[in-house]
Every structure is written in C-alpha cells, then in structure tokens.
Amino acid sequence: MFQTVEELVKRCETEDKAIHEIILEQEMDVTGATAEEVYAGMSHHFKTMENALEEGLNGVTSTTGLTGGDAVLIKRYLESGQALSGPILLDAVSKAVATNEVNAAMGKICATPTAGSAGVVPGVLFAIKHRFHPTQRDMLNFLLTAGAFGFVVANNASISGASGGCQAEVGSAAAMAAAATVEMAGGTPQQSAEAFAICMKNMLGLVCDPVAGLVEVPCVKRNAAGASNALVSADMALAGVTSRIPTDEVIEAMYRIGQTMPSALRETGRGGLAGTPTGQRLKQQIFGD
C-alpha cells in the first residue's frame, strides 16, 4: 500500500502501470472487491456527478437565494463566442459552478473530496471529455487517479475546510483534477505528480470563510477557480514544467499552513468575506438576530 505520492509514482514506474491501476489494486486489496465491483461503485458516483452537472446547467437556485443561475450565464457566454478564456477552460468552469450550485440548492452531488469542492473534479472531467473522447472506463479511471491523490492528502494532511481552510478542500480537489487530467492526456505518473504540486502550490493559504456559514458564498465561485487552476497546472506539467518543491512536501506545507490558520478563517463563518459588513448583513437577513 502506498502512503505518499513518491511511493505511488515509484510503484507506477517499477511495475510499469498507470496510477489508476495502482489505486484499483489497492482498493481491491483493502475491500476484497473485484475490479468490476469497484468499477460498478465508481459508475454510481460518476452518474451522480453527471446528473448534478446537468441539473445545474439547466438552472437552480438555493433556498437562501445567495447562489444559483451563474452556471447558465457562463454557459451562454461561452456559446456567444465572446469568451476570453479558452472553450475547454470555460466549459470546465461552467460545469464546476453548476455542480456546486446544485449542492447549495440541497441537490444530490458526489463529494470529491468534499461537498464544498464537489464541482472541480467533474467540471474538469466533463470538459476535457470533448477533447479526448474517452470511453466510459477511461472516465472512471480519471476518477480513480484523482482518488489516488486524494487518498494521500486525506491520510497525510486534511481535506476539511474546518481543519485546514479552503486550500484543503478546493485546493485538494483542483490538484486531484490536475493530476488526473495529465494521465488522461497521456502524461507520465511523474507529470501527474508535478501537476498536483503546481496546482496545490497555487492555492496554499486559501481560507474558508463561508458567508452565514453556508456552503454558497464564496464556495461556488471558488470551484470555478479550482477548475481553471487544474487545467492550467495540467498544461504546465505536460509542457515539462516541474515543481521545485516535491509533491509530498507541498502537501505537508498545506497541512502546516492549515494548522496555523486562525479559527476565524476555518469554516466558522466569522472571518474573511463572512466578516465583511455585507457578509454580516446577509447572515442577519437569512437567520435574523
């Protein structure tokens, strides 16, 4: 069983296997499930992601009215041909926002790795689908690869905003998506690790400051930033760019930063954007005195 990204990459290189093959074998060893049973479970998660994404792109609004409809606006803007960002990037953004708007509207999503960051991985996956034309199994392998890196983060640092800030949630999700994108694009396991490190480094120190304590503002838009960061980081790694700081050390740094982050900036809804006059006004408007 691997515990670090370094161990994961070395196993891939030694055994001449892809990352998704290593994590599949580990899942089979730990759970006793067959490969087909593991894929069946992943198919269920995949379908949940797909349904949430489609629901969000059709337009949803949260009970509070704080979020909703932005995915539709982004989709229309993309279709107008006036977008400054590339079509794949903005498509990923619209899909990431759509998923998290469904979460805010109390719809069914798949936490990847958390509900607050659930839009990044599917947003990226369903956007690059149109570039690589993957099979259903390829898309499930994307999720396995993302999960392999999430496994390392969860066991060596944190994926909780309350524990480590939004860097631990959206930061982890974005880095997971970046690593999986590299593999789908034909990159090496080491390049996947580089993409993860580059992406995570770009989100170090990101605080968790939900307005009114709700997973809406700024959470939904941070999923958009996470999706775009993932794609840019994947491109950098595929271009041959490397991280001067090893991936596992980046994960350790994220954990240490989270430990030193004030509690007001770790999902308590007291600091950051939640503590602004408008943030406080919205809180009172929703919950009263």
C-alpha atoms as a PDB file:
ATOM      1  CA  MET A   1       0.000   0.000   0.000  1.00  0.00           C
ATOM      2  CA  PHE A   2       1.343   3.434  -0.885  1.00  0.00           C
ATOM      3  CA  GLN A   3       1.169   6.299   1.612  1.00  0.00           C
ATOM      4  CA  THR A   4       2.879   9.101  -0.282  1.00  0.00           C
ATOM      5  CA  VAL A   5       2.880  10.419  -3.820  1.00  0.00           C
ATOM      6  CA  GLU A   6       6.540   9.469  -4.112  1.00  0.00           C
ATOM      7  CA  GLU A   7       5.688   5.853  -3.282  1.00  0.00           C
ATOM      8  CA  LEU A   8       2.794   5.910  -5.736  1.00  0.00           C
ATOM      9  CA  VAL A   9       4.943   7.191  -8.605  1.00  0.00           C
ATOM     10  CA  LYS A  10       7.745   4.732  -7.848  1.00  0.00           C
ATOM     11  CA  ARG A  11       5.295   1.837  -7.919  1.00  0.00           C
ATOM     12  CA  CYS A  12       3.950   3.019 -11.254  1.00  0.00           C
ATOM     13  CA  GLU A  13       7.439   3.233 -12.695  1.00  0.00           C
ATOM     14  CA  THR A  14       8.668  -0.054 -11.210  1.00  0.00           C
ATOM     15  CA  GLU A  15       5.603  -2.039 -12.242  1.00  0.00           C
ATOM     16  CA  ASP A  16       5.054  -0.120 -15.495  1.00  0.00           C
ATOM     17  CA  LYS A  17       1.484   0.705 -14.572  1.00  0.00           C
ATOM     18  CA  ALA A  18      -0.735   3.778 -14.668  1.00  0.00           C
ATOM     19  CA  ILE A  19      -1.819   5.480 -11.468  1.00  0.00           C
ATOM     20  CA  HIS A  20      -5.391   4.270 -11.828  1.00  0.00           C
ATOM     21  CA  GLU A  21      -4.159   0.664 -11.989  1.00  0.00           C
ATOM     22  CA  ILE A  22      -2.250   1.008  -8.723  1.00  0.00           C
ATOM     23  CA  ILE A  23      -5.151   2.553  -6.805  1.00  0.00           C
ATOM     24  CA  LEU A  24      -7.544  -0.030  -8.285  1.00  0.00           C
ATOM     25  CA  GLU A  25      -5.340  -2.841  -6.995  1.00  0.00           C
ATOM     26  CA  GLN A  26      -5.117  -1.187  -3.590  1.00  0.00           C
ATOM     27  CA  GLU A  27      -8.887  -0.774  -3.401  1.00  0.00           C
ATOM     28  CA  MET A  28      -9.351  -4.429  -4.277  1.00  0.00           C
ATOM     29  CA  ASP A  29      -6.830  -5.494  -1.613  1.00  0.00           C
ATOM     30  CA  VAL A  30      -8.386  -3.340   1.115  1.00  0.00           C
ATOM     31  CA  THR A  31     -12.047  -4.038   0.406  1.00  0.00           C
ATOM     32  CA  GLY A  32     -11.879  -7.523  -1.053  1.00  0.00           C
ATOM     33  CA  ALA A  33     -13.952  -6.343  -4.007  1.00  0.00           C
ATOM     34  CA  THR A  34     -13.330  -7.434  -7.568  1.00  0.00           C
ATOM     35  CA  ALA A  35     -12.270  -4.953 -10.226  1.00  0.00           C
ATOM     36  CA  GLU A  36     -15.751  -5.000 -11.717  1.00  0.00           C
ATOM     37  CA  GLU A  37     -17.298  -4.327  -8.315  1.00  0.00           C
ATOM     38  CA  VAL A  38     -15.002  -1.351  -7.805  1.00  0.00           C
ATOM     39  CA  TYR A  39     -15.900  -0.010 -11.235  1.00  0.00           C
ATOM     40  CA  ALA A  40     -19.596  -0.552 -10.520  1.00  0.00           C
ATOM     41  CA  GLY A  41     -19.288   1.656  -7.444  1.00  0.00           C
ATOM     42  CA  MET A  42     -17.375   4.259  -9.413  1.00  0.00           C
ATOM     43  CA  SER A  43     -20.075   4.176 -12.099  1.00  0.00           C
ATOM     44  CA  HIS A  44     -22.655   5.102  -9.478  1.00  0.00           C
ATOM     45  CA  HIS A  45     -20.551   8.075  -8.347  1.00  0.00           C
ATOM     46  CA  PHE A  46     -19.953   9.045 -11.977  1.00  0.00           C
ATOM     47  CA  LYS A  47     -23.673   9.078 -12.725  1.00  0.00           C
ATOM     48  CA  THR A  48     -24.356  11.189  -9.644  1.00  0.00           C
ATOM     49  CA  MET A  49     -21.793  13.712 -10.869  1.00  0.00           C
ATOM     50  CA  GLU A  50     -23.261  13.743 -14.357  1.00  0.00           C
ATOM     51  CA  ASN A  51     -26.818  14.229 -13.097  1.00  0.00           C
ATOM     52  CA  ALA A  52     -25.808  17.087 -10.777  1.00  0.00           C
ATOM     53  CA  LEU A  53     -23.897  18.806 -13.539  1.00  0.00           C
ATOM     54  CA  GLU A  54     -26.807  18.617 -15.969  1.00  0.00           C
ATOM     55  CA  GLU A  55     -29.251  19.824 -13.319  1.00  0.00           C
ATOM     56  CA  GLY A  56     -27.084  22.831 -12.564  1.00  0.00           C
ATOM     57  CA  LEU A  57     -26.673  23.756 -16.212  1.00  0.00           C
ATOM     58  CA  ASN A  58     -30.457  23.821 -16.518  1.00  0.00           C
ATOM     59  CA  GLY A  59     -30.581  26.372 -13.705  1.00  0.00           C
ATOM     60  CA  VAL A  60     -31.058  26.021  -9.956  1.00  0.00           C
ATOM     61  CA  THR A  61     -31.385  28.486  -7.084  1.00  0.00           C
ATOM     62  CA  SER A  62     -30.601  27.899  -3.427  1.00  0.00           C
ATOM     63  CA  THR A  63     -33.235  28.385  -0.735  1.00  0.00           C
ATOM     64  CA  THR A  64     -31.446  31.470   0.543  1.00  0.00           C
ATOM     65  CA  GLY A  65     -31.172  32.993  -2.916  1.00  0.00           C
ATOM     66  CA  LEU A  66     -27.462  33.615  -2.408  1.00  0.00           C
ATOM     67  CA  THR A  67     -26.466  31.362  -5.275  1.00  0.00           C
ATOM     68  CA  GLY A  68     -27.908  29.976  -8.472  1.00  0.00           C
ATOM     69  CA  GLY A  69     -28.078  30.658 -12.183  1.00  0.00           C
ATOM     70  CA  ASP A  70     -24.423  31.553 -12.684  1.00  0.00           C
ATOM     71  CA  ALA A  71     -23.629  28.288 -14.464  1.00  0.00           C
ATOM     72  CA  VAL A  72     -26.300  29.129 -17.028  1.00  0.00           C
ATOM     73  CA  LEU A  73     -24.850  32.616 -17.513  1.00  0.00           C
ATOM     74  CA  ILE A  74     -21.353  31.229 -18.058  1.00  0.00           C
ATOM     75  CA  LYS A  75     -22.636  28.602 -20.468  1.00  0.00           C
ATOM     76  CA  ARG A  76     -24.461  31.240 -22.520  1.00  0.00           C
ATOM     77  CA  TYR A  77     -21.402  33.481 -22.524  1.00  0.00           C
ATOM     78  CA  LEU A  78     -19.267  30.591 -23.752  1.00  0.00           C
ATOM     79  CA  GLU A  79     -21.758  29.870 -26.529  1.00  0.00           C
ATOM     80  CA  SER A  80     -21.679  33.535 -27.592  1.00  0.00           C
ATOM     81  CA  GLY A  81     -18.125  33.136 -28.856  1.00  0.00           C
ATOM     82  CA  GLN A  82     -17.009  36.262 -26.976  1.00  0.00           C
ATOM     83  CA  ALA A  83     -15.171  34.471 -24.155  1.00  0.00           C
ATOM     84  CA  LEU A  84     -11.584  35.477 -23.429  1.00  0.00           C
ATOM     85  CA  SER A  85     -10.763  32.116 -21.869  1.00  0.00           C
ATOM     86  CA  GLY A  86     -10.390  29.004 -23.994  1.00  0.00           C
ATOM     87  CA  PRO A  87     -13.525  26.918 -24.557  1.00  0.00           C
ATOM     88  CA  ILE A  88     -12.319  23.902 -22.548  1.00  0.00           C
ATOM     89  CA  LEU A  89     -11.389  26.040 -19.562  1.00  0.00           C
ATOM     90  CA  LEU A  90     -14.625  27.991 -19.510  1.00  0.00           C
ATOM     91  CA  ASP A  91     -16.656  24.837 -20.093  1.00  0.00           C
ATOM     92  CA  ALA A  92     -14.989  23.317 -17.032  1.00  0.00           C
ATOM     93  CA  VAL A  93     -15.800  26.456 -15.062  1.00  0.00           C
ATOM     94  CA  SER A  94     -19.478  26.376 -16.044  1.00  0.00           C
ATOM     95  CA  LYS A  95     -19.751  22.713 -15.097  1.00  0.00           C
ATOM     96  CA  ALA A  96     -17.924  23.175 -11.807  1.00  0.00           C
ATOM     97  CA  VAL A  97     -20.224  26.055 -10.878  1.00  0.00           C
ATOM     98  CA  ALA A  98     -23.279  24.050 -11.975  1.00  0.00           C
ATOM     99  CA  THR A  99     -22.393  21.189  -9.651  1.00  0.00           C
ATOM    100  CA  ASN A 100     -21.819  23.399  -6.656  1.00  0.00           C
ATOM    101  CA  GLU A 101     -24.987  25.358  -7.286  1.00  0.00           C
ATOM    102  CA  VAL A 102     -26.834  22.038  -7.052  1.00  0.00           C
ATOM    103  CA  ASN A 103     -25.070  21.366  -3.770  1.00  0.00           C
ATOM    104  CA  ALA A 104     -26.107  24.791  -2.458  1.00  0.00           C
ATOM    105  CA  ALA A 105     -29.675  24.057  -3.560  1.00  0.00           C
ATOM    106  CA  MET A 106     -29.608  20.867  -1.448  1.00  0.00           C
ATOM    107  CA  GLY A 107     -29.404  18.639  -4.520  1.00  0.00           C
ATOM    108  CA  LYS A 108     -27.534  15.352  -4.747  1.00  0.00           C
ATOM    109  CA  ILE A 109     -23.824  15.579  -5.514  1.00  0.00           C
ATOM    110  CA  CYS A 110     -20.762  13.389  -5.078  1.00  0.00           C
ATOM    111  CA  ALA A 111     -18.261  14.804  -2.594  1.00  0.00           C
ATOM    112  CA  THR A 112     -14.901  14.989  -4.374  1.00  0.00           C
ATOM    113  CA  PRO A 113     -13.327  15.189  -1.905  1.00  0.00           C
ATOM    114  CA  THR A 114     -15.937  17.311  -0.051  1.00  0.00           C
ATOM    115  CA  ALA A 115     -19.357  18.760  -0.827  1.00  0.00           C
ATOM    116  CA  GLY A 116     -17.957  22.286  -0.844  1.00  0.00           C
ATOM    117  CA  SER A 117     -15.420  21.324  -3.527  1.00  0.00           C
ATOM    118  CA  ALA A 118     -17.611  18.862  -5.419  1.00  0.00           C
ATOM    119  CA  GLY A 119     -17.661  20.822  -8.670  1.00  0.00           C
ATOM    120  CA  VAL A 120     -13.974  20.821  -9.571  1.00  0.00           C
ATOM    121  CA  VAL A 121     -13.294  17.194 -10.497  1.00  0.00           C
ATOM    122  CA  PRO A 122     -16.484  16.592 -12.530  1.00  0.00           C
ATOM    123  CA  GLY A 123     -16.237  20.058 -14.056  1.00  0.00           C
ATOM    124  CA  VAL A 124     -12.792  19.305 -15.418  1.00  0.00           C
ATOM    125  CA  LEU A 125     -13.599  15.719 -16.388  1.00  0.00           C
ATOM    126  CA  PHE A 126     -16.707  16.528 -18.395  1.00  0.00           C
ATOM    127  CA  ALA A 127     -14.981  19.465 -20.092  1.00  0.00           C
ATOM    128  CA  ILE A 128     -11.932  17.541 -21.308  1.00  0.00           C
ATOM    129  CA  LYS A 129     -14.239  14.714 -22.393  1.00  0.00           C
ATOM    130  CA  HIS A 130     -14.859  16.657 -25.598  1.00  0.00           C
ATOM    131  CA  ARG A 131     -11.108  16.894 -26.239  1.00  0.00           C
ATOM    132  CA  PHE A 132     -10.055  13.305 -25.600  1.00  0.00           C
ATOM    133  CA  HIS A 133     -13.282  11.416 -26.365  1.00  0.00           C
ATOM    134  CA  PRO A 134     -12.654   8.888 -23.577  1.00  0.00           C
ATOM    135  CA  THR A 135     -14.587   5.690 -23.096  1.00  0.00           C
ATOM    136  CA  GLN A 136     -16.750   5.240 -20.014  1.00  0.00           C
ATOM    137  CA  ARG A 137     -13.957   3.169 -18.453  1.00  0.00           C
ATOM    138  CA  ASP A 138     -11.420   5.911 -19.213  1.00  0.00           C
ATOM    139  CA  MET A 139     -13.581   8.414 -17.358  1.00  0.00           C
ATOM    140  CA  LEU A 140     -13.861   6.090 -14.376  1.00  0.00           C
ATOM    141  CA  ASN A 141     -10.073   5.726 -14.451  1.00  0.00           C
ATOM    142  CA  PHE A 142      -9.847   9.528 -14.277  1.00  0.00           C
ATOM    143  CA  LEU A 143     -11.812   9.370 -11.025  1.00  0.00           C
ATOM    144  CA  LEU A 144      -9.597   6.579  -9.706  1.00  0.00           C
ATOM    145  CA  THR A 145      -6.480   8.620 -10.419  1.00  0.00           C
ATOM    146  CA  ALA A 146      -7.951  11.689  -8.752  1.00  0.00           C
ATOM    147  CA  GLY A 147      -8.871   9.483  -5.809  1.00  0.00           C
ATOM    148  CA  ALA A 148      -5.333   8.156  -5.508  1.00  0.00           C
ATOM    149  CA  PHE A 149      -4.018  11.648  -4.861  1.00  0.00           C
ATOM    150  CA  GLY A 150      -6.956  12.445  -2.603  1.00  0.00           C
ATOM    151  CA  PHE A 151      -6.100   9.341  -0.608  1.00  0.00           C
ATOM    152  CA  VAL A 152      -2.604  10.674   0.063  1.00  0.00           C
ATOM    153  CA  VAL A 153      -3.875  14.119   1.083  1.00  0.00           C
ATOM    154  CA  ALA A 154      -6.575  12.738   3.370  1.00  0.00           C
ATOM    155  CA  ASN A 155      -4.099  10.464   5.137  1.00  0.00           C
ATOM    156  CA  ASN A 156      -1.195  12.898   5.409  1.00  0.00           C
ATOM    157  CA  ALA A 157      -2.864  16.287   5.693  1.00  0.00           C
ATOM    158  CA  SER A 158      -6.540  17.261   5.540  1.00  0.00           C
ATOM    159  CA  ILE A 159      -9.432  17.695   3.112  1.00  0.00           C
ATOM    160  CA  SER A 160     -11.545  19.577   5.668  1.00  0.00           C
ATOM    161  CA  GLY A 161     -12.157  23.305   5.496  1.00  0.00           C
ATOM    162  CA  ALA A 162     -12.775  23.359   9.239  1.00  0.00           C
ATOM    163  CA  SER A 163      -9.360  21.828   9.771  1.00  0.00           C
ATOM    164  CA  GLY A 164      -7.240  23.328   7.029  1.00  0.00           C
ATOM    165  CA  GLY A 165      -9.138  26.094   5.267  1.00  0.00           C
ATOM    166  CA  CYS A 166     -10.386  26.072   1.681  1.00  0.00           C
ATOM    167  CA  GLN A 167      -6.909  25.128   0.499  1.00  0.00           C
ATOM    168  CA  ALA A 168      -7.679  21.693   1.929  1.00  0.00           C
ATOM    169  CA  GLU A 169     -11.000  21.460   0.068  1.00  0.00           C
ATOM    170  CA  VAL A 170     -10.954  23.284  -3.266  1.00  0.00           C
ATOM    171  CA  GLY A 171      -7.154  23.200  -3.274  1.00  0.00           C
ATOM    172  CA  SER A 172      -7.102  19.422  -2.943  1.00  0.00           C
ATOM    173  CA  ALA A 173      -9.915  18.968  -5.471  1.00  0.00           C
ATOM    174  CA  ALA A 174      -8.140  21.145  -8.032  1.00  0.00           C
ATOM    175  CA  ALA A 175      -4.833  19.342  -7.576  1.00  0.00           C
ATOM    176  CA  MET A 176      -6.568  15.962  -7.839  1.00  0.00           C
ATOM    177  CA  ALA A 177      -8.213  17.043 -11.083  1.00  0.00           C
ATOM    178  CA  ALA A 178      -4.916  18.359 -12.461  1.00  0.00           C
ATOM    179  CA  ALA A 179      -3.156  15.059 -11.803  1.00  0.00           C
ATOM    180  CA  ALA A 180      -5.948  13.014 -13.370  1.00  0.00           C
ATOM    181  CA  THR A 181      -6.081  15.297 -16.406  1.00  0.00           C
ATOM    182  CA  VAL A 182      -2.401  14.707 -17.069  1.00  0.00           C
ATOM    183  CA  GLU A 183      -2.902  10.952 -17.056  1.00  0.00           C
ATOM    184  CA  MET A 184      -5.876  11.182 -19.416  1.00  0.00           C
ATOM    185  CA  ALA A 185      -3.782  13.364 -21.722  1.00  0.00           C
ATOM    186  CA  GLY A 186      -1.104  10.666 -21.892  1.00  0.00           C
ATOM    187  CA  GLY A 187       1.330  12.141 -19.389  1.00  0.00           C
ATOM    188  CA  THR A 188       3.552  10.117 -17.091  1.00  0.00           C
ATOM    189  CA  PRO A 189       2.845   9.404 -13.415  1.00  0.00           C
ATOM    190  CA  GLN A 190       5.626  11.834 -12.516  1.00  0.00           C
ATOM    191  CA  GLN A 191       3.988  14.537 -14.621  1.00  0.00           C
ATOM    192  CA  SER A 192       0.725  13.891 -12.784  1.00  0.00           C
ATOM    193  CA  ALA A 193       2.599  14.442  -9.524  1.00  0.00           C
ATOM    194  CA  GLU A 194       4.109  17.656 -10.890  1.00  0.00           C
ATOM    195  CA  ALA A 195       0.673  18.918 -11.935  1.00  0.00           C
ATOM    196  CA  PHE A 196      -0.690  18.160  -8.485  1.00  0.00           C
ATOM    197  CA  ALA A 197       2.150  20.046  -6.802  1.00  0.00           C
ATOM    198  CA  ILE A 198       1.913  23.063  -9.119  1.00  0.00           C
ATOM    199  CA  CYS A 199      -1.841  23.270  -8.630  1.00  0.00           C
ATOM    200  CA  MET A 200      -1.737  22.881  -4.854  1.00  0.00           C
ATOM    201  CA  LYS A 201       1.016  25.476  -4.537  1.00  0.00           C
ATOM    202  CA  ASN A 202      -1.207  27.971  -6.329  1.00  0.00           C
ATOM    203  CA  MET A 203      -3.902  27.569  -3.675  1.00  0.00           C
ATOM    204  CA  LEU A 204      -1.852  27.457  -0.488  1.00  0.00           C
ATOM    205  CA  GLY A 205      -3.243  29.716   2.211  1.00  0.00           C
ATOM    206  CA  LEU A 206      -6.766  29.845   0.760  1.00  0.00           C
ATOM    207  CA  VAL A 207      -9.093  30.484   3.697  1.00  0.00           C
ATOM    208  CA  CYS A 208     -12.529  29.017   4.353  1.00  0.00           C
ATOM    209  CA  ASP A 209     -14.857  31.939   5.041  1.00  0.00           C
ATOM    210  CA  PRO A 210     -18.439  30.961   4.112  1.00  0.00           C
ATOM    211  CA  VAL A 211     -20.910  33.808   4.398  1.00  0.00           C
ATOM    212  CA  ALA A 212     -23.540  32.994   7.035  1.00  0.00           C
ATOM    213  CA  GLY A 213     -21.751  29.678   7.499  1.00  0.00           C
ATOM    214  CA  LEU A 214     -23.370  28.322   4.344  1.00  0.00           C
ATOM    215  CA  VAL A 215     -21.576  26.476   1.541  1.00  0.00           C
ATOM    216  CA  GLU A 216     -22.574  29.084  -1.032  1.00  0.00           C
ATOM    217  CA  VAL A 217     -20.580  32.332  -0.992  1.00  0.00           C
ATOM    218  CA  PRO A 218     -17.721  32.271  -1.947  1.00  0.00           C
ATOM    219  CA  CYS A 219     -17.623  28.474  -2.239  1.00  0.00           C
ATOM    220  CA  VAL A 220     -19.374  28.150  -5.603  1.00  0.00           C
ATOM    221  CA  LYS A 221     -17.067  30.600  -7.366  1.00  0.00           C
ATOM    222  CA  ARG A 222     -14.005  29.030  -5.766  1.00  0.00           C
ATOM    223  CA  ASN A 223     -14.884  25.827  -7.561  1.00  0.00           C
ATOM    224  CA  ALA A 224     -14.624  27.820 -10.786  1.00  0.00           C
ATOM    225  CA  ALA A 225     -11.151  28.998  -9.790  1.00  0.00           C
ATOM    226  CA  GLY A 226     -10.192  25.455  -8.817  1.00  0.00           C
ATOM    227  CA  ALA A 227     -11.256  24.027 -12.178  1.00  0.00           C
ATOM    228  CA  SER A 228      -9.325  26.626 -14.146  1.00  0.00           C
ATOM    229  CA  ASN A 229      -6.262  26.205 -11.920  1.00  0.00           C
ATOM    230  CA  ALA A 230      -6.390  22.450 -12.504  1.00  0.00           C
ATOM    231  CA  LEU A 231      -6.341  22.782 -16.284  1.00  0.00           C
ATOM    232  CA  VAL A 232      -3.562  25.379 -16.327  1.00  0.00           C
ATOM    233  CA  SER A 233      -1.460  23.263 -13.943  1.00  0.00           C
ATOM    234  CA  ALA A 234      -2.007  20.153 -16.067  1.00  0.00           C
ATOM    235  CA  ASP A 235      -0.870  22.044 -19.171  1.00  0.00           C
ATOM    236  CA  MET A 236       2.226  23.290 -17.372  1.00  0.00           C
ATOM    237  CA  ALA A 237       3.184  19.775 -16.294  1.00  0.00           C
ATOM    238  CA  LEU A 238       2.541  18.360 -19.774  1.00  0.00           C
ATOM    239  CA  ALA A 239       4.759  21.126 -21.178  1.00  0.00           C
ATOM    240  CA  GLY A 240       7.592  19.840 -18.995  1.00  0.00           C
ATOM    241  CA  VAL A 241       7.343  22.346 -16.145  1.00  0.00           C
ATOM    242  CA  THR A 242       8.235  20.838 -12.768  1.00  0.00           C
ATOM    243  CA  SER A 243       7.747  21.828  -9.151  1.00  0.00           C
ATOM    244  CA  ARG A 244      10.921  22.737  -7.275  1.00  0.00           C
ATOM    245  CA  ILE A 245       9.215  21.548  -4.094  1.00  0.00           C
ATOM    246  CA  PRO A 246       8.365  17.806  -4.149  1.00  0.00           C
ATOM    247  CA  THR A 247       4.678  16.933  -4.143  1.00  0.00           C
ATOM    248  CA  ASP A 248       4.659  15.349  -0.698  1.00  0.00           C
ATOM    249  CA  GLU A 249       6.383  18.395   0.781  1.00  0.00           C
ATOM    250  CA  VAL A 250       3.747  20.620  -0.807  1.00  0.00           C
ATOM    251  CA  ILE A 251       1.062  18.507   0.859  1.00  0.00           C
ATOM    252  CA  GLU A 252       2.895  18.771   4.185  1.00  0.00           C
ATOM    253  CA  ALA A 253       3.173  22.546   3.763  1.00  0.00           C
ATOM    254  CA  MET A 254      -0.571  22.767   3.127  1.00  0.00           C
ATOM    255  CA  TYR A 255      -1.194  20.853   6.337  1.00  0.00           C
ATOM    256  CA  ARG A 256       1.108  23.095   8.383  1.00  0.00           C
ATOM    257  CA  ILE A 257      -0.465  26.235   6.944  1.00  0.00           C
ATOM    258  CA  GLY A 258      -3.902  24.919   7.877  1.00  0.00           C
ATOM    259  CA  GLN A 259      -2.773  24.232  11.437  1.00  0.00           C
ATOM    260  CA  THR A 260      -1.561  27.804  11.881  1.00  0.00           C
ATOM    261  CA  MET A 261      -4.583  29.388  10.227  1.00  0.00           C
ATOM    262  CA  PRO A 262      -6.818  31.321  12.678  1.00  0.00           C
ATOM    263  CA  SER A 263     -10.095  29.596  13.541  1.00  0.00           C
ATOM    264  CA  ALA A 264     -11.966  32.607  12.145  1.00  0.00           C
ATOM    265  CA  LEU A 265     -10.692  31.573   8.722  1.00  0.00           C
ATOM    266  CA  ARG A 266     -11.551  27.883   9.000  1.00  0.00           C
ATOM    267  CA  GLU A 267     -15.239  27.437   8.165  1.00  0.00           C
ATOM    268  CA  THR A 268     -16.550  29.241  11.245  1.00  0.00           C
ATOM    269  CA  GLY A 269     -18.197  31.985   9.194  1.00  0.00           C
ATOM    270  CA  ARG A 270     -16.564  34.674  11.335  1.00  0.00           C
ATOM    271  CA  GLY A 271     -13.610  35.983   9.332  1.00  0.00           C
ATOM    272  CA  GLY A 272     -12.675  36.845   5.777  1.00  0.00           C
ATOM    273  CA  LEU A 273     -15.613  37.518   3.483  1.00  0.00           C
ATOM    274  CA  ALA A 274     -18.034  36.273   6.120  1.00  0.00           C
ATOM    275  CA  GLY A 275     -16.875  39.030   8.446  1.00  0.00           C
ATOM    276  CA  THR A 276     -17.391  41.883   5.991  1.00  0.00           C
ATOM    277  CA  PRO A 277     -20.322  44.294   6.524  1.00  0.00           C
ATOM    278  CA  THR A 278     -22.162  42.736   3.601  1.00  0.00           C
ATOM    279  CA  GLY A 279     -21.385  39.245   4.814  1.00  0.00           C
ATOM    280  CA  GLN A 280     -22.797  40.061   8.232  1.00  0.00           C
ATOM    281  CA  ARG A 281     -25.836  41.732   6.721  1.00  0.00           C
ATOM    282  CA  LEU A 282     -26.586  38.668   4.620  1.00  0.00           C
ATOM    283  CA  LYS A 283     -26.236  36.467   7.671  1.00  0.00           C
ATOM    284  CA  GLN A 284     -28.765  38.566   9.591  1.00  0.00           C
ATOM    285  CA  GLN A 285     -31.057  38.655   6.572  1.00  0.00           C
ATOM    286  CA  ILE A 286     -31.076  34.855   6.403  1.00  0.00           C
ATOM    287  CA  PHE A 287     -31.069  33.915  10.060  1.00  0.00           C
ATOM    288  CA  GLY A 288     -32.201  37.055  11.840  1.00  0.00           C
ATOM    289  CA  ASP A 289     -30.866  38.111  15.235  1.00  0.00           C
END
